[in-house]
PDB file of N, CA and C in Angstrom:
ATOM      1  N   MET A   1      -9.982 -50.947  34.525  1.00  0.00           N
ATOM      2  CA  MET A   1     -10.905 -50.493  33.366  1.00  0.00           C
ATOM      3  C   MET A   1     -11.697 -49.104  33.656  1.00  0.00           C
ATOM      4  N   GLN A   2     -12.037 -49.019  34.840  1.00  0.00           N
ATOM      5  CA  GLN A   2     -12.571 -47.758  35.333  1.00  0.00           C
ATOM      6  C   GLN A   2     -11.544 -46.596  35.242  1.00  0.00           C
ATOM      7  N   GLN A   3     -10.353 -46.898  35.627  1.00  0.00           N
ATOM      8  CA  GLN A   3      -9.349 -45.955  35.499  1.00  0.00           C
ATOM      9  C   GLN A   3      -9.073 -45.455  34.215  1.00  0.00           C
ATOM     10  N   LEU A   4      -9.135 -46.354  33.263  1.00  0.00           N
ATOM     11  CA  LEU A   4      -8.807 -46.062  31.741  1.00  0.00           C
ATOM     12  C   LEU A   4      -9.897 -45.230  31.448  1.00  0.00           C
ATOM     13  N   ARG A   5     -11.105 -45.523  31.597  1.00  0.00           N
ATOM     14  CA  ARG A   5     -12.489 -44.467  31.256  1.00  0.00           C
ATOM     15  C   ARG A   5     -12.209 -43.175  31.699  1.00  0.00           C
ATOM     16  N   GLN A   6     -11.858 -43.083  32.952  1.00  0.00           N
ATOM     17  CA  GLN A   6     -11.618 -41.770  33.763  1.00  0.00           C
ATOM     18  C   GLN A   6     -10.438 -41.167  32.952  1.00  0.00           C
ATOM     19  N   GLU A   7      -9.504 -41.700  32.630  1.00  0.00           N
ATOM     20  CA  GLU A   7      -8.365 -41.229  31.988  1.00  0.00           C
ATOM     21  C   GLU A   7      -8.658 -40.497  30.622  1.00  0.00           C
ATOM     22  N   LEU A   8      -9.544 -41.518  29.902  1.00  0.00           N
ATOM     23  CA  LEU A   8      -9.969 -41.028  28.458  1.00  0.00           C
ATOM     24  C   LEU A   8     -10.845 -39.785  28.663  1.00  0.00           C
ATOM     25  N   ARG A   9     -11.763 -39.718  29.776  1.00  0.00           N
ATOM     26  CA  ARG A   9     -12.676 -38.544  29.904  1.00  0.00           C
ATOM     27  C   ARG A   9     -11.855 -37.342  30.203  1.00  0.00           C
ATOM     28  N   ASN A  10     -10.875 -37.434  31.002  1.00  0.00           N
ATOM     29  CA  ASN A  10      -9.834 -36.296  31.428  1.00  0.00           C
ATOM     30  C   ASN A  10      -9.301 -35.728  30.105  1.00  0.00           C
ATOM     31  N   ARG A  11      -8.780 -36.705  29.384  1.00  0.00           N
ATOM     32  CA  ARG A  11      -8.101 -36.293  28.085  1.00  0.00           C
ATOM     33  C   ARG A  11      -9.139 -35.663  27.105  1.00  0.00           C
ATOM     34  N   ASP A  12     -10.386 -36.304  26.946  1.00  0.00           N
ATOM     35  CA  ASP A  12     -11.359 -35.539  26.270  1.00  0.00           C
ATOM     36  C   ASP A  12     -11.625 -34.192  26.851  1.00  0.00           C
ATOM     37  N   LEU A  13     -11.908 -34.056  28.022  1.00  0.00           N
ATOM     38  CA  LEU A  13     -11.888 -32.634  28.603  1.00  0.00           C
ATOM     39  C   LEU A  13     -10.710 -31.789  28.315  1.00  0.00           C
ATOM     40  N   GLU A  14      -9.627 -32.396  28.399  1.00  0.00           N
ATOM     41  CA  GLU A  14      -8.579 -31.407  28.071  1.00  0.00           C
ATOM     42  C   GLU A  14      -8.524 -31.023  26.689  1.00  0.00           C
ATOM     43  N   ILE A  15      -8.747 -31.955  25.773  1.00  0.00           N
ATOM     44  CA  ILE A  15      -8.742 -31.637  24.320  1.00  0.00           C
ATOM     45  C   ILE A  15      -9.879 -30.666  24.100  1.00  0.00           C
ATOM     46  N   GLY A  16     -11.149 -30.827  24.836  1.00  0.00           N
ATOM     47  CA  GLY A  16     -12.131 -29.828  24.576  1.00  0.00           C
ATOM     48  C   GLY A  16     -11.664 -28.471  24.992  1.00  0.00           C
ATOM     49  N   ARG A  17     -11.057 -28.281  26.119  1.00  0.00           N
ATOM     50  CA  ARG A  17     -10.514 -27.019  26.489  1.00  0.00           C
ATOM     51  C   ARG A  17      -9.475 -26.384  25.546  1.00  0.00           C
ATOM     52  N   ILE A  18      -8.723 -27.273  25.100  1.00  0.00           N
ATOM     53  CA  ILE A  18      -7.707 -26.717  24.148  1.00  0.00           C
ATOM     54  C   ILE A  18      -8.562 -26.281  22.712  1.00  0.00           C
ATOM     55  N   GLU A  19      -9.408 -27.124  22.240  1.00  0.00           N
ATOM     56  CA  GLU A  19     -10.110 -26.728  21.044  1.00  0.00           C
ATOM     57  C   GLU A  19     -10.932 -25.276  21.315  1.00  0.00           C
ATOM     58  N   ALA A  20     -11.537 -25.279  22.549  1.00  0.00           N
ATOM     59  CA  ALA A  20     -12.246 -24.163  22.758  1.00  0.00           C
ATOM     60  C   ALA A  20     -11.379 -22.854  22.899  1.00  0.00           C
ATOM     61  N   GLY A  21     -10.218 -22.956  23.496  1.00  0.00           N
ATOM     62  CA  GLY A  21      -9.108 -21.931  23.405  1.00  0.00           C
ATOM     63  C   GLY A  21      -8.753 -21.483  22.094  1.00  0.00           C
ATOM     64  N   ALA A  22      -8.502 -22.436  21.286  1.00  0.00           N
ATOM     65  CA  ALA A  22      -8.003 -22.401  19.839  1.00  0.00           C
ATOM     66  C   ALA A  22      -9.073 -21.481  19.151  1.00  0.00           C
ATOM     67  N   LEU A  23     -10.372 -22.089  19.304  1.00  0.00           N
ATOM     68  CA  LEU A  23     -11.390 -21.300  18.571  1.00  0.00           C
ATOM     69  C   LEU A  23     -11.604 -19.900  19.046  1.00  0.00           C
ATOM     70  N   SER A  24     -11.612 -19.640  20.320  1.00  0.00           N
ATOM     71  CA  SER A  24     -11.592 -18.305  20.835  1.00  0.00           C
ATOM     72  C   SER A  24     -10.496 -17.341  20.372  1.00  0.00           C
ATOM     73  N   ALA A  25      -9.308 -17.946  20.327  1.00  0.00           N
ATOM     74  CA  ALA A  25      -8.232 -17.337  19.704  1.00  0.00           C
ATOM     75  C   ALA A  25      -8.574 -16.991  18.255  1.00  0.00           C
ATOM     76  N   TRP A  26      -9.059 -17.906  17.468  1.00  0.00           N
ATOM     77  CA  TRP A  26      -9.271 -17.782  16.144  1.00  0.00           C
ATOM     78  C   TRP A  26     -10.354 -16.511  15.906  1.00  0.00           C
ATOM     79  N   ASP A  27     -11.310 -16.602  16.884  1.00  0.00           N
ATOM     80  CA  ASP A  27     -12.371 -15.671  16.764  1.00  0.00           C
ATOM     81  C   ASP A  27     -11.981 -14.345  17.059  1.00  0.00           C
ATOM     82  N   ARG A  28     -11.063 -14.064  17.801  1.00  0.00           N
ATOM     83  CA  ARG A  28     -10.291 -12.708  18.216  1.00  0.00           C
ATOM     84  C   ARG A  28      -9.357 -12.339  17.095  1.00  0.00           C
ATOM     85  N   THR A  29      -8.683 -13.297  16.451  1.00  0.00           N
ATOM     86  CA  THR A  29      -7.665 -12.992  15.520  1.00  0.00           C
ATOM     87  C   THR A  29      -8.215 -12.743  14.144  1.00  0.00           C
ATOM     88  N   VAL A  30      -9.127 -13.497  13.607  1.00  0.00           N
ATOM     89  CA  VAL A  30      -9.559 -13.182  12.468  1.00  0.00           C
ATOM     90  C   VAL A  30     -10.131 -11.885  12.185  1.00  0.00           C
ATOM     91  N   PRO A  31     -10.914 -11.500  12.885  1.00  0.00           N
ATOM     92  CA  PRO A  31     -11.613 -10.075  12.651  1.00  0.00           C
ATOM     93  C   PRO A  31     -10.603  -8.945  12.801  1.00  0.00           C
ATOM     94  N   GLN A  32      -9.563  -9.125  13.718  1.00  0.00           N
ATOM     95  CA  GLN A  32      -8.339  -8.180  13.656  1.00  0.00           C
ATOM     96  C   GLN A  32      -7.671  -8.131  12.383  1.00  0.00           C
ATOM     97  N   LEU A  33      -7.337  -9.382  11.822  1.00  0.00           N
ATOM     98  CA  LEU A  33      -6.565  -9.405  10.583  1.00  0.00           C
ATOM     99  C   LEU A  33      -7.392  -8.879   9.461  1.00  0.00           C
ATOM    100  N   GLU A  34      -9.012  -9.269   9.486  1.00  0.00           N
ATOM    101  CA  GLU A  34      -9.630  -8.675   8.488  1.00  0.00           C
ATOM    102  C   GLU A  34      -9.696  -6.996   8.427  1.00  0.00           C
ATOM    103  N   ARG A  35      -9.635  -6.627   9.501  1.00  0.00           N
ATOM    104  CA  ARG A  35      -9.646  -4.987   9.709  1.00  0.00           C
ATOM    105  C   ARG A  35      -8.297  -4.533   9.213  1.00  0.00           C
ATOM    106  N   GLN A  36      -7.211  -5.131   9.509  1.00  0.00           N
ATOM    107  CA  GLN A  36      -5.787  -4.767   9.019  1.00  0.00           C
ATOM    108  C   GLN A  36      -5.887  -4.979   7.579  1.00  0.00           C
ATOM    109  N   ILE A  37      -6.406  -6.005   6.899  1.00  0.00           N
ATOM    110  CA  ILE A  37      -6.466  -6.258   5.582  1.00  0.00           C
ATOM    111  C   ILE A  37      -7.022  -4.974   4.881  1.00  0.00           C
ATOM    112  N   ASP A  38      -8.461  -4.561   5.422  1.00  0.00           N
ATOM    113  CA  ASP A  38      -9.206  -3.525   4.866  1.00  0.00           C
ATOM    114  C   ASP A  38      -8.476  -2.299   5.017  1.00  0.00           C
ATOM    115  N   ALA A  39      -7.796  -1.982   6.148  1.00  0.00           N
ATOM    116  CA  ALA A  39      -6.910  -0.754   6.172  1.00  0.00           C
ATOM    117  C   ALA A  39      -5.879  -0.752   5.369  1.00  0.00           C
ATOM    118  N   LEU A  40      -5.202  -1.822   5.183  1.00  0.00           N
ATOM    119  CA  LEU A  40      -4.000  -1.800   4.078  1.00  0.00           C
ATOM    120  C   LEU A  40      -4.547  -1.666   2.603  1.00  0.00           C
ATOM    121  N   LEU A  41      -5.656  -2.222   2.444  1.00  0.00           N
ATOM    122  CA  LEU A  41      -6.529  -1.988   0.950  1.00  0.00           C
ATOM    123  C   LEU A  41      -6.805  -0.540   0.624  1.00  0.00           C
ATOM    124  N   ALA A  42      -7.223   0.038   1.701  1.00  0.00           N
ATOM    125  CA  ALA A  42      -7.370   1.436   1.628  1.00  0.00           C
ATOM    126  C   ALA A  42      -6.208   2.387   1.598  1.00  0.00           C
ATOM    127  N   GLU A  43      -5.340   2.051   2.341  1.00  0.00           N
ATOM    128  CA  GLU A  43      -3.992   2.643   2.227  1.00  0.00           C
ATOM    129  C   GLU A  43      -3.380   2.471   0.918  1.00  0.00           C
ATOM    130  N   ASN A  44      -3.380   1.265   0.274  1.00  0.00           N
ATOM    131  CA  ASN A  44      -2.990   0.992  -1.097  1.00  0.00           C
ATOM    132  C   ASN A  44      -3.813   1.724  -2.100  1.00  0.00           C
ATOM    133  N   ASP A  45      -5.046   2.070  -1.971  1.00  0.00           N
ATOM    134  CA  ASP A  45      -5.786   2.739  -2.967  1.00  0.00           C
ATOM    135  C   ASP A  45      -5.381   4.113  -2.903  1.00  0.00           C
ATOM    136  N   ALA A  46      -5.088   4.764  -1.643  1.00  0.00           N
ATOM    137  CA  ALA A  46      -4.710   6.159  -1.414  1.00  0.00           C
ATOM    138  C   ALA A  46      -3.399   6.249  -2.146  1.00  0.00           C
ATOM    139  N   LEU A  47      -2.497   5.452  -1.797  1.00  0.00           N
ATOM    140  CA  LEU A  47      -1.072   5.568  -2.528  1.00  0.00           C
ATOM    141  C   LEU A  47      -1.322   5.526  -3.875  1.00  0.00           C
ATOM    142  N   ARG A  48      -2.019   4.454  -4.546  1.00  0.00           N
ATOM    143  CA  ARG A  48      -2.170   4.793  -6.003  1.00  0.00           C
ATOM    144  C   ARG A  48      -2.721   5.942  -6.546  1.00  0.00           C
ATOM    145  N   ARG A  49      -3.625   6.467  -5.855  1.00  0.00           N
ATOM    146  CA  ARG A  49      -4.215   7.828  -6.184  1.00  0.00           C
ATOM    147  C   ARG A  49      -2.941   8.785  -6.312  1.00  0.00           C
ATOM    148  N   LYS A  50      -2.190   8.842  -5.106  1.00  0.00           N
ATOM    149  CA  LYS A  50      -1.103   9.918  -5.250  1.00  0.00           C
ATOM    150  C   LYS A  50      -0.226   9.500  -6.110  1.00  0.00           C
ATOM    151  N   ILE A  51       0.142   8.371  -6.591  1.00  0.00           N
ATOM    152  CA  ILE A  51       0.981   8.007  -7.521  1.00  0.00           C
ATOM    153  C   ILE A  51       0.471   8.457  -8.969  1.00  0.00           C
ATOM    154  N   ARG A  52      -0.809   8.297  -9.210  1.00  0.00           N
ATOM    155  CA  ARG A  52      -1.369   8.825 -10.372  1.00  0.00           C
ATOM    156  C   ARG A  52      -1.298  10.461 -10.518  1.00  0.00           C
ATOM    157  N   GLN A  53      -1.562  11.036  -9.373  1.00  0.00           N
ATOM    158  CA  GLN A  53      -1.412  12.442  -9.285  1.00  0.00           C
ATOM    159  C   GLN A  53       0.102  13.028  -9.651  1.00  0.00           C
ATOM    160  N   ALA A  54       0.936  12.243  -8.924  1.00  0.00           N
ATOM    161  CA  ALA A  54       2.303  12.593  -9.073  1.00  0.00           C
ATOM    162  C   ALA A  54       2.697  12.269 -10.596  1.00  0.00           C
ATOM    163  N   GLU A  55       2.240  11.375 -11.131  1.00  0.00           N
ATOM    164  CA  GLU A  55       2.454  11.105 -12.626  1.00  0.00           C
ATOM    165  C   GLU A  55       1.960  12.297 -13.448  1.00  0.00           C
ATOM    166  N   GLU A  56       0.613  12.636 -13.130  1.00  0.00           N
ATOM    167  CA  GLU A  56       0.131  13.808 -14.065  1.00  0.00           C
ATOM    168  C   GLU A  56       0.852  15.155 -13.754  1.00  0.00           C
ATOM    169  N   HIS A  57       1.156  15.280 -12.525  1.00  0.00           N
ATOM    170  CA  HIS A  57       1.967  16.555 -12.133  1.00  0.00           C
ATOM    171  C   HIS A  57       3.375  16.389 -13.046  1.00  0.00           C
ATOM    172  N   SER A  58       3.952  15.246 -12.865  1.00  0.00           N
ATOM    173  CA  SER A  58       5.161  15.091 -13.707  1.00  0.00           C
ATOM    174  C   SER A  58       5.210  15.409 -15.261  1.00  0.00           C
ATOM    175  N   ASP A  59       4.004  14.911 -15.776  1.00  0.00           N
ATOM    176  CA  ASP A  59       3.766  14.949 -17.074  1.00  0.00           C
ATOM    177  C   ASP A  59       3.486  16.642 -17.410  1.00  0.00           C
ATOM    178  N   VAL A  60       2.926  17.333 -16.524  1.00  0.00           N
ATOM    179  CA  VAL A  60       2.721  18.769 -16.689  1.00  0.00           C
ATOM    180  C   VAL A  60       4.098  19.530 -16.486  1.00  0.00           C
ATOM    181  N   ASP A  61       4.762  19.062 -15.612  1.00  0.00           N
ATOM    182  CA  ASP A  61       6.088  19.522 -15.321  1.00  0.00           C
ATOM    183  C   ASP A  61       7.113  19.320 -16.654  1.00  0.00           C
ATOM    184  N   ALA A  62       6.951  18.208 -16.972  1.00  0.00           N
ATOM    185  CA  ALA A  62       7.851  17.759 -18.122  1.00  0.00           C
ATOM    186  C   ALA A  62       7.439  18.859 -19.352  1.00  0.00           C
ATOM    187  N   ALA A  63       6.138  18.925 -19.516  1.00  0.00           N
ATOM    188  CA  ALA A  63       5.650  19.851 -20.769  1.00  0.00           C
ATOM    189  C   ALA A  63       6.200  21.311 -20.489  1.00  0.00           C
ATOM    190  N   THR A  64       6.168  21.697 -19.165  1.00  0.00           N
ATOM    191  CA  THR A  64       6.623  23.012 -18.875  1.00  0.00           C
ATOM    192  C   THR A  64       8.016  23.266 -19.122  1.00  0.00           C
ATOM    193  N   VAL A  65       8.798  22.092 -18.636  1.00  0.00           N
ATOM    194  CA  VAL A  65      10.272  22.151 -18.857  1.00  0.00           C
ATOM    195  C   VAL A  65      10.557  22.387 -20.514  1.00  0.00           C
ATOM    196  N   ASP A  66       9.997  21.534 -21.161  1.00  0.00           N
ATOM    197  CA  ASP A  66      10.047  21.651 -22.740  1.00  0.00           C
ATOM    198  C   ASP A  66       9.698  22.896 -23.307  1.00  0.00           C
ATOM    199  N   HIS A  67       8.712  23.473 -22.827  1.00  0.00           N
ATOM    200  CA  HIS A  67       8.183  24.985 -23.330  1.00  0.00           C
ATOM    201  C   HIS A  67       9.324  25.964 -23.017  1.00  0.00           C
ATOM    202  N   LEU A  68       9.722  25.841 -21.674  1.00  0.00           N
ATOM    203  CA  LEU A  68      10.826  26.649 -21.248  1.00  0.00           C
ATOM    204  C   LEU A  68      12.114  26.574 -22.033  1.00  0.00           C
ATOM    205  N   ARG A  69      12.475  25.366 -22.397  1.00  0.00           N
ATOM    206  CA  ARG A  69      13.721  24.953 -23.022  1.00  0.00           C
ATOM    207  C   ARG A  69      13.489  25.705 -24.586  1.00  0.00           C
ATOM    208  N   THR A  70      12.332  25.473 -25.123  1.00  0.00           N
ATOM    209  CA  THR A  70      12.050  26.104 -26.330  1.00  0.00           C
ATOM    210  C   THR A  70      12.148  27.681 -26.397  1.00  0.00           C
ATOM    211  N   LEU A  71      11.577  28.322 -25.398  1.00  0.00           N
ATOM    212  CA  LEU A  71      11.647  29.774 -25.175  1.00  0.00           C
ATOM    213  C   LEU A  71      13.201  30.122 -24.969  1.00  0.00           C
ATOM    214  N   VAL A  72      14.081  29.270 -24.079  1.00  0.00           N
ATOM    215  CA  VAL A  72      15.252  29.718 -24.163  1.00  0.00           C
ATOM    216  C   VAL A  72      16.156  29.435 -25.486  1.00  0.00           C
ATOM    217  N   ALA A  73      15.796  28.470 -26.157  1.00  0.00           N
ATOM    218  CA  ALA A  73      16.525  28.228 -27.404  1.00  0.00           C
ATOM    219  C   ALA A  73      16.218  29.430 -28.270  1.00  0.00           C
ATOM    220  N   ASP A  74      14.926  29.950 -28.483  1.00  0.00           N
ATOM    221  CA  ASP A  74      14.370  30.919 -29.303  1.00  0.00           C
ATOM    222  C   ASP A  74      15.160  32.251 -28.709  1.00  0.00           C
ATOM    223  N   ARG A  75      15.215  32.514 -27.444  1.00  0.00           N
ATOM    224  CA  ARG A  75      16.045  33.746 -27.038  1.00  0.00           C
ATOM    225  C   ARG A  75      17.488  33.556 -27.484  1.00  0.00           C
ATOM    226  N   ASP A  76      18.070  32.541 -27.327  1.00  0.00           N
ATOM    227  CA  ASP A  76      19.425  32.466 -27.588  1.00  0.00           C
ATOM    228  C   ASP A  76      19.676  32.669 -29.159  1.00  0.00           C
ATOM    229  N   THR A  77      18.697  32.080 -29.958  1.00  0.00           N
ATOM    230  CA  THR A  77      18.793  32.347 -31.427  1.00  0.00           C
ATOM    231  C   THR A  77      18.750  33.727 -31.727  1.00  0.00           C
ATOM    232  N   LYS A  78      17.561  34.486 -30.991  1.00  0.00           N
ATOM    233  CA  LYS A  78      17.497  35.845 -31.249  1.00  0.00           C
ATOM    234  C   LYS A  78      18.643  36.751 -30.806  1.00  0.00           C
ATOM    235  N   ILE A  79      19.294  36.424 -29.645  1.00  0.00           N
ATOM    236  CA  ILE A  79      20.606  37.036 -29.246  1.00  0.00           C
ATOM    237  C   ILE A  79      21.752  36.941 -30.149  1.00  0.00           C
ATOM    238  N   ALA A  80      21.744  35.624 -30.754  1.00  0.00           N
ATOM    239  CA  ALA A  80      22.921  35.292 -31.688  1.00  0.00           C
ATOM    240  C   ALA A  80      22.575  36.171 -33.049  1.00  0.00           C
ATOM    241  N   GLU A  81      21.487  36.318 -33.468  1.00  0.00           N
ATOM    242  CA  GLU A  81      20.957  37.249 -34.595  1.00  0.00           C
ATOM    243  C   GLU A  81      21.306  38.479 -34.329  1.00  0.00           C
ATOM    244  N   LEU A  82      21.046  39.094 -33.178  1.00  0.00           N
ATOM    245  CA  LEU A  82      21.256  40.502 -32.898  1.00  0.00           C
ATOM    246  C   LEU A  82      22.803  40.696 -32.724  1.00  0.00           C
ATOM    247  N   ARG A  83      23.520  39.841 -32.322  1.00  0.00           N
ATOM    248  CA  ARG A  83      25.021  39.875 -32.182  1.00  0.00           C
ATOM    249  C   ARG A  83      25.560  39.850 -33.714  1.00  0.00           C
ATOM    250  N   ALA A  84      25.002  39.088 -34.586  1.00  0.00           N
ATOM    251  CA  ALA A  84      25.553  39.028 -35.812  1.00  0.00           C
ATOM    252  C   ALA A  84      25.121  40.237 -36.626  1.00  0.00           C
ATOM    253  N   GLN A  85      24.119  40.977 -36.384  1.00  0.00           N
ATOM    254  CA  GLN A  85      23.779  42.192 -37.048  1.00  0.00           C
ATOM    255  C   GLN A  85      24.749  43.441 -36.520  1.00  0.00           C
ATOM    256  N   ALA A  86      25.316  43.260 -35.338  1.00  0.00           N
ATOM    257  CA  ALA A  86      25.883  44.519 -34.762  1.00  0.00           C
ATOM    258  C   ALA A  86      27.327  44.429 -35.322  1.00  0.00           C
TER     259      ALA A  86
END
């Protein structure tokens, strides 16, 4: 009977060491993961801002291209008119 009690105590001690190790690992891992999450969220926000800026520039560039096309078309029309008069 004494041997069984000692064996149970030894197992309880081993379980306690395992639990302590697991808790220690958890305590080290969770803050690290939280820092990674925060960094990724910040990076995500920065990328979203860059996307918005790129979209704005794209809209401006598209308007510029449309304006240039209009100018070229007007020029081509004037050239055609001048050729027709000659």
